[in-house]
Amino acid sequence: MVVNGNSVRQLIRVRVPSWASKPMPIIVNGSQAGSGKPGSYYVIDRNWKNGDVISFTLPMEFKVTKYTGLEKGFEDNHYAIEYGPVLMAMVGVKAKKDDIGIKADPEYISTLLRPVEGRPLHFTIAGSSEFEYWPYFEVQEEPFSCYPEFFR
């Protein structure tokens, strides 16, 4: 921000979302200015001039949440997976399935997920060729569940 060719002192607040998995480094002009805690704002108070750049990468990890709703048949062993703010759906990619589930411990599912090259936010599951995880908002006609069953 420049006023008549001079730098301007200005506060800028960078929002760090509560779903961020760890503190988020904030970079100004290639150097770390600090780190913001999830669920807070990181405040940068400095003299700004033309060409100054703020950058950051939102830290995202998988979060597993047990189903606690009232739908019959989902009382045990059904879990949702989120990646940052994105609800993931287990999608049957090889065959139509009535029961969409996987033999895995839900606590360790994130260690089984592998990114699909060229398809952001798509993950294969090690040991399973029948299912993948996709963002729920991308599911169209495919069989899926946002709360698949985990068999141990």
Protein backbone atom coordinates (compact mmCIF):
# COMPACT_ATOMS: atom_id res chain seq x y z
CA MET A 1 0.00 0.00 0.00
CA VAL A 2 1.55 3.29 -1.04
CA VAL A 3 0.36 6.82 -0.42
CA ASN A 4 2.12 9.38 -2.62
CA GLY A 5 5.13 7.07 -3.07
CA ASN A 6 5.66 6.54 0.66
CA SER A 7 5.15 3.45 2.77
CA VAL A 8 2.12 3.29 5.04
CA ARG A 9 1.91 1.78 8.52
CA GLN A 10 -1.06 -0.61 8.60
CA LEU A 11 -2.31 -3.53 10.66
CA ILE A 12 -3.26 -6.60 8.64
CA ARG A 13 -5.01 -9.50 10.32
CA VAL A 14 -4.55 -12.94 8.74
CA ARG A 15 -7.27 -15.41 9.78
CA VAL A 16 -6.03 -18.87 10.80
CA PRO A 17 -9.09 -21.17 10.63
CA SER A 18 -9.93 -23.35 13.63
CA TRP A 19 -9.66 -26.50 11.49
CA ALA A 20 -5.96 -25.80 10.78
CA SER A 21 -4.04 -28.78 12.11
CA LYS A 22 -1.17 -26.79 13.65
CA PRO A 23 0.19 -23.25 13.91
CA MET A 24 0.43 -21.60 10.48
CA PRO A 25 3.65 -19.83 9.48
CA ILE A 26 3.03 -16.38 7.96
CA ILE A 27 5.58 -15.22 5.40
CA VAL A 28 6.14 -11.57 4.40
CA ASN A 29 8.42 -10.93 1.44
CA GLY A 30 10.00 -14.38 1.73
CA SER A 31 10.78 -14.23 5.46
CA GLN A 32 8.73 -15.70 8.29
CA ALA A 33 6.95 -12.92 10.15
CA GLY A 34 5.48 -15.27 12.75
CA SER A 35 3.04 -18.09 13.27
CA GLY A 36 -0.72 -17.97 13.86
CA LYS A 37 -2.60 -20.33 16.16
CA PRO A 38 -5.64 -22.22 14.78
CA GLY A 39 -8.85 -20.31 15.50
CA SER A 40 -7.15 -16.92 15.78
CA TYR A 41 -5.87 -13.98 13.77
CA TYR A 42 -2.19 -13.30 13.27
CA VAL A 43 -1.62 -9.55 13.30
CA ILE A 44 1.07 -8.00 11.13
CA ASP A 45 1.84 -4.41 12.09
CA ARG A 46 4.41 -2.81 9.80
CA ASN A 47 5.16 -0.21 7.20
CA TRP A 48 3.88 -1.55 3.86
CA LYS A 49 5.08 -0.53 0.43
CA ASN A 50 4.25 -1.48 -3.15
CA GLY A 51 5.20 -5.08 -3.95
CA ASP A 52 5.03 -6.45 -0.39
CA VAL A 53 3.71 -10.01 -0.40
CA ILE A 54 2.04 -12.03 2.37
CA SER A 55 1.95 -15.80 1.88
CA PHE A 56 1.00 -18.87 3.90
CA THR A 57 -0.02 -22.48 3.48
CA LEU A 58 -3.04 -23.71 5.41
CA PRO A 59 -1.94 -26.78 7.41
CA MET A 60 -4.46 -29.58 6.80
CA GLU A 61 -4.60 -33.11 8.19
CA PHE A 62 -7.19 -35.87 8.34
CA LYS A 63 -9.68 -35.85 11.20
CA VAL A 64 -11.79 -38.91 12.06
CA THR A 65 -15.18 -38.37 13.76
CA LYS A 66 -17.44 -41.15 15.07
CA TYR A 67 -21.04 -41.09 13.85
CA THR A 68 -23.37 -40.05 16.70
CA GLY A 69 -26.68 -39.60 14.83
CA LEU A 70 -29.95 -41.45 15.18
CA GLU A 71 -30.02 -43.33 11.86
CA LYS A 72 -30.59 -47.07 12.37
CA GLY A 73 -27.68 -49.32 11.42
CA PHE A 74 -25.07 -46.63 12.01
CA GLU A 75 -24.79 -47.02 15.78
CA ASP A 76 -21.39 -48.77 15.76
CA ASN A 77 -18.19 -48.48 13.76
CA HIS A 78 -19.23 -45.66 11.38
CA TYR A 79 -16.88 -42.69 11.02
CA ALA A 80 -16.58 -39.55 8.94
CA ILE A 81 -13.25 -38.33 7.63
CA GLU A 82 -12.48 -34.69 7.02
CA TYR A 83 -9.42 -33.24 5.36
CA GLY A 84 -9.10 -29.73 6.74
CA PRO A 85 -12.57 -28.22 6.13
CA VAL A 86 -13.53 -30.80 3.47
CA LEU A 87 -15.92 -33.65 4.28
CA MET A 88 -14.66 -36.74 2.47
CA ALA A 89 -16.87 -39.48 1.01
CA MET A 90 -15.81 -43.10 0.60
CA VAL A 91 -16.76 -43.84 -2.99
CA GLY A 92 -17.25 -47.29 -4.51
CA VAL A 93 -15.09 -46.95 -7.61
CA LYS A 94 -15.11 -50.56 -8.89
CA ALA A 95 -18.55 -51.96 -8.15
CA LYS A 96 -21.89 -50.98 -6.69
CA LYS A 97 -21.95 -51.87 -3.02
CA ASP A 98 -24.83 -51.90 -0.58
CA ASP A 99 -22.43 -51.72 2.34
CA ILE A 100 -19.61 -49.30 1.85
CA GLY A 101 -16.95 -50.05 4.38
CA ILE A 102 -13.37 -51.07 4.86
CA LYS A 103 -11.39 -53.42 7.02
CA ALA A 104 -9.29 -50.94 8.96
CA ASP A 105 -9.02 -49.33 12.35
CA PRO A 106 -10.52 -45.82 12.05
CA GLU A 107 -7.73 -44.40 14.22
CA TYR A 108 -5.18 -45.39 11.59
CA ILE A 109 -7.09 -44.74 8.35
CA SER A 110 -5.05 -41.62 7.63
CA THR A 111 -1.90 -43.78 7.44
CA LEU A 112 -3.57 -45.84 4.68
CA LEU A 113 -4.59 -42.93 2.46
CA ARG A 114 -2.46 -42.16 -0.60
CA PRO A 115 -2.97 -39.10 -2.85
CA VAL A 116 -4.16 -39.80 -6.40
CA GLU A 117 -1.76 -38.09 -8.79
CA GLY A 118 -3.41 -35.36 -10.84
CA ARG A 119 -6.63 -35.42 -8.77
CA PRO A 120 -6.45 -33.00 -5.84
CA LEU A 121 -8.22 -34.15 -2.67
CA HIS A 122 -8.63 -37.72 -4.00
CA PHE A 123 -7.09 -40.58 -2.03
CA THR A 124 -6.76 -44.30 -2.59
CA ILE A 125 -6.81 -46.66 0.37
CA ALA A 126 -3.83 -48.99 0.73
CA GLY A 127 -5.09 -52.59 0.63
CA SER A 128 -8.41 -51.69 -1.06
CA SER A 129 -8.99 -51.38 -4.80
CA GLU A 130 -12.77 -51.03 -4.41
CA PHE A 131 -12.94 -47.63 -2.72
CA GLU A 132 -11.39 -44.19 -2.73
CA TYR A 133 -11.98 -41.05 -0.66
CA TRP A 134 -13.18 -37.98 -2.56
CA PRO A 135 -14.59 -34.63 -1.44
CA TYR A 136 -18.31 -35.08 -0.80
CA PHE A 137 -19.08 -32.11 -3.08
CA GLU A 138 -17.66 -34.03 -6.07
CA VAL A 139 -19.84 -37.14 -5.71
CA GLN A 140 -22.45 -37.46 -8.46
CA GLU A 141 -23.98 -40.88 -9.25
CA GLU A 142 -21.34 -43.08 -7.61
CA PRO A 143 -22.24 -45.23 -4.59
CA PHE A 144 -20.76 -43.52 -1.52
CA SER A 145 -20.94 -43.01 2.22
CA CYS A 146 -19.74 -40.11 4.33
CA TYR A 147 -19.97 -42.46 7.34
CA PRO A 148 -18.61 -45.77 6.07
CA GLU A 149 -18.36 -48.74 8.37
CA PHE A 150 -14.96 -49.77 9.65
CA PHE A 151 -14.49 -53.48 10.26
CA ARG A 152 -11.67 -54.48 12.60
